[in-house]
C-alpha atoms as a PDB file:
ATOM      1  CA  MET A   1       0.022   0.032   0.000  1.00  0.00           C
ATOM      2  CA  SER A   2       1.372   3.356  -1.006  1.00  0.00           C
ATOM      3  CA  HIS A   3       1.786   6.229   1.542  1.00  0.00           C
ATOM      4  CA  PRO A   4      -0.831   8.999   1.311  1.00  0.00           C
ATOM      5  CA  THR A   5       0.193  12.176  -0.626  1.00  0.00           C
ATOM      6  CA  VAL A   6       0.386  15.521   1.145  1.00  0.00           C
ATOM      7  CA  LYS A   7      -2.832  16.557  -0.389  1.00  0.00           C
ATOM      8  CA  GLU A   8      -4.562  13.365   0.758  1.00  0.00           C
ATOM      9  CA  ILE A   9      -3.417  13.994   4.248  1.00  0.00           C
ATOM     10  CA  GLU A  10      -4.629  17.564   4.252  1.00  0.00           C
ATOM     11  CA  GLY A  11      -7.955  16.329   2.863  1.00  0.00           C
ATOM     12  CA  TRP A  12      -8.192  13.618   5.626  1.00  0.00           C
ATOM     13  CA  LYS A  13      -7.400  16.185   8.355  1.00  0.00           C
ATOM     14  CA  TYR A  14      -9.990  18.598   7.056  1.00  0.00           C
ATOM     15  CA  TRP A  15     -12.685  15.933   6.890  1.00  0.00           C
ATOM     16  CA  LEU A  16     -11.773  14.618  10.357  1.00  0.00           C
ATOM     17  CA  GLU A  17     -11.861  17.978  11.967  1.00  0.00           C
ATOM     18  CA  HIS A  18     -14.902  19.401  10.262  1.00  0.00           C
ATOM     19  CA  VAL A  19     -17.173  16.373   9.447  1.00  0.00           C
ATOM     20  CA  PHE A  20     -16.233  13.151  11.195  1.00  0.00           C
ATOM     21  CA  MET A  21     -15.383  14.356  14.666  1.00  0.00           C
ATOM     22  CA  PRO A  22     -18.332  16.709  15.023  1.00  0.00           C
ATOM     23  CA  LEU A  23     -20.544  13.720  14.129  1.00  0.00           C
ATOM     24  CA  ASN A  24     -18.605  11.429  16.381  1.00  0.00           C
ATOM     25  CA  ARG A  25     -18.873  13.833  19.287  1.00  0.00           C
ATOM     26  CA  ARG A  26     -22.583  14.171  18.787  1.00  0.00           C
ATOM     27  CA  MET A  27     -23.016  10.428  18.690  1.00  0.00           C
ATOM     28  CA  LEU A  28     -20.825   9.935  21.837  1.00  0.00           C
ATOM     29  CA  GLU A  29     -22.802  12.529  23.710  1.00  0.00           C
ATOM     30  CA  THR A  30     -26.115  11.018  22.706  1.00  0.00           C
ATOM     31  CA  LEU A  31     -24.853   7.594  23.753  1.00  0.00           C
ATOM     32  CA  LEU A  32     -23.466   8.763  27.130  1.00  0.00           C
ATOM     33  CA  SER A  33     -26.481  10.819  28.000  1.00  0.00           C
ATOM     34  CA  ASN A  34     -28.833   7.854  27.324  1.00  0.00           C
ATOM     35  CA  THR A  35     -27.012   4.845  28.834  1.00  0.00           C
ATOM     36  CA  ASP A  36     -30.095   4.284  31.056  1.00  0.00           C
ATOM     37  CA  LEU A  37     -31.965   3.187  27.865  1.00  0.00           C
ATOM     38  CA  ILE A  38     -29.459   0.360  27.114  1.00  0.00           C
ATOM     39  CA  GLU A  39     -31.102  -2.993  27.768  1.00  0.00           C
ATOM     40  CA  GLY A  40     -29.264  -5.597  29.761  1.00  0.00           C
ATOM     41  CA  ASP A  41     -26.600  -5.405  32.547  1.00  0.00           C
ATOM     42  CA  GLN A  42     -23.633  -4.673  30.183  1.00  0.00           C
ATOM     43  CA  ILE A  43     -22.882  -2.052  27.558  1.00  0.00           C
ATOM     44  CA  PRO A  44     -22.488  -3.791  24.163  1.00  0.00           C
ATOM     45  CA  GLU A  45     -18.773  -4.098  23.070  1.00  0.00           C
ATOM     46  CA  CYS A  46     -19.413  -2.200  19.906  1.00  0.00           C
ATOM     47  CA  LEU A  47     -20.541   0.840  21.877  1.00  0.00           C
ATOM     48  CA  LEU A  48     -17.525   0.671  24.163  1.00  0.00           C
ATOM     49  CA  SER A  49     -15.260   0.365  21.102  1.00  0.00           C
ATOM     50  CA  PHE A  50     -16.915   3.399  19.500  1.00  0.00           C
ATOM     51  CA  CYS A  51     -16.288   5.450  22.720  1.00  0.00           C
ATOM     52  CA  ALA A  52     -12.630   4.435  22.859  1.00  0.00           C
ATOM     53  CA  HIS A  53     -12.341   5.156  19.040  1.00  0.00           C
ATOM     54  CA  VAL A  54     -13.668   8.670  19.465  1.00  0.00           C
ATOM     55  CA  ASN A  55     -11.515   9.406  22.406  1.00  0.00           C
ATOM     56  CA  GLY A  56      -8.479   8.132  20.563  1.00  0.00           C
ATOM     57  CA  TYR A  57      -9.260  10.753  17.934  1.00  0.00           C
ATOM     58  CA  GLU A  58      -9.558  13.458  20.512  1.00  0.00           C
ATOM     59  CA  VAL A  59      -5.910  12.723  21.461  1.00  0.00           C
ATOM     60  CA  VAL A  60      -4.865  12.891  17.735  1.00  0.00           C
ATOM     61  CA  LEU A  61      -6.651  16.255  17.379  1.00  0.00           C
ATOM     62  CA  ALA A  62      -5.000  17.588  20.596  1.00  0.00           C
ATOM     63  CA  ARG A  63      -1.577  16.615  19.266  1.00  0.00           C
ATOM     64  CA  TRP A  64      -2.308  18.368  15.948  1.00  0.00           C
ATOM     65  CA  ALA A  65      -3.252  21.522  17.863  1.00  0.00           C
ATOM     66  CA  GLU A  66       0.203  21.270  19.596  1.00  0.00           C
ATOM     67  CA  GLY A  67       1.982  20.927  16.238  1.00  0.00           C
ATOM     68  CA  ASP A  68       2.553  17.141  16.486  1.00  0.00           C
ATOM     69  CA  GLU A  69       1.042  15.710  13.230  1.00  0.00           C
ATOM     70  CA  THR A  70       2.848  12.274  13.328  1.00  0.00           C
ATOM     71  CA  GLU A  71      -0.363  10.394  14.044  1.00  0.00           C
ATOM     72  CA  LEU A  72      -3.322  10.529  11.605  1.00  0.00           C
ATOM     73  CA  THR A  73      -5.622   7.935  13.074  1.00  0.00           C
ATOM     74  CA  SER A  74      -7.051   6.756  16.384  1.00  0.00           C
ATOM     75  CA  VAL A  75      -5.277   3.952  18.160  1.00  0.00           C
ATOM     76  CA  ILE A  76      -8.648   2.161  18.334  1.00  0.00           C
ATOM     77  CA  ASP A  77     -10.409   1.149  15.105  1.00  0.00           C
ATOM     78  CA  HIS A  78     -14.011   2.153  14.498  1.00  0.00           C
ATOM     79  CA  PRO A  79     -16.198  -0.815  15.317  1.00  0.00           C
ATOM     80  CA  GLY A  80     -17.691  -0.637  11.841  1.00  0.00           C
ATOM     81  CA  ASP A  81     -20.209  -3.267  10.910  1.00  0.00           C
ATOM     82  CA  SER A  82     -20.821  -4.440  14.445  1.00  0.00           C
ATOM     83  CA  LEU A  83     -21.868  -0.963  15.468  1.00  0.00           C
ATOM     84  CA  HIS A  84     -24.103  -0.489  12.434  1.00  0.00           C
ATOM     85  CA  GLU A  85     -25.726  -3.845  12.911  1.00  0.00           C
ATOM     86  CA  HIS A  86     -26.258  -3.170  16.573  1.00  0.00           C
ATOM     87  CA  ILE A  87     -27.932   0.189  15.838  1.00  0.00           C
ATOM     88  CA  ALA A  88     -30.091  -1.217  13.065  1.00  0.00           C
ATOM     89  CA  GLY A  89     -31.205  -4.119  15.209  1.00  0.00           C
ATOM     90  CA  MET A  90     -32.144  -1.900  18.082  1.00  0.00           C
ATOM     91  CA  TYR A  91     -34.047   0.466  15.711  1.00  0.00           C
ATOM     92  CA  ARG A  92     -35.957  -2.544  14.261  1.00  0.00           C
ATOM     93  CA  GLN A  93     -36.785  -3.720  17.815  1.00  0.00           C
ATOM     94  CA  LEU A  94     -37.968  -0.232  18.833  1.00  0.00           C
ATOM     95  CA  LYS A  95     -40.135   0.012  15.760  1.00  0.00           C
ATOM     96  CA  ARG A  96     -41.767  -3.351  16.527  1.00  0.00           C
ATOM     97  CA  SER A  97     -42.403  -2.191  20.063  1.00  0.00           C
ATOM     98  CA  GLN A  98     -43.925   0.965  18.752  1.00  0.00           C
ATOM     99  CA  VAL A  99     -46.263  -0.956  16.431  1.00  0.00           C
ATOM    100  CA  ASP A 100     -47.246  -3.235  19.388  1.00  0.00           C
ATOM    101  CA  LEU A 101     -47.911  -0.193  21.665  1.00  0.00           C
ATOM    102  CA  LEU A 102     -49.891   1.711  19.010  1.00  0.00           C
ATOM    103  CA  GLY A 103     -51.783  -1.424  17.850  1.00  0.00           C
ATOM    104  CA  THR A 104     -51.108  -0.768  14.198  1.00  0.00           C
END
């Protein structure tokens, strides 16, 4: 795999700072402020991984602000499909409950 060009790195940094991290922060805040809605006695691993992933990027951005641009990614990978599948499954479950409650 080839190394990214300077232009690609600058594009990545822009997208991370202005698109991905604002969305990640919003998702993280929503998750953390609604943990009481999580069913079961444990937080799903994909949600914990997402929290760690976002906080890993917070460290990357803090280093960039201090002039250290040696790292471009979080030390924790995004949980990817497992997070998407969990969210989609929970949404389907909530919609079924809604139908049952509304009797439609």
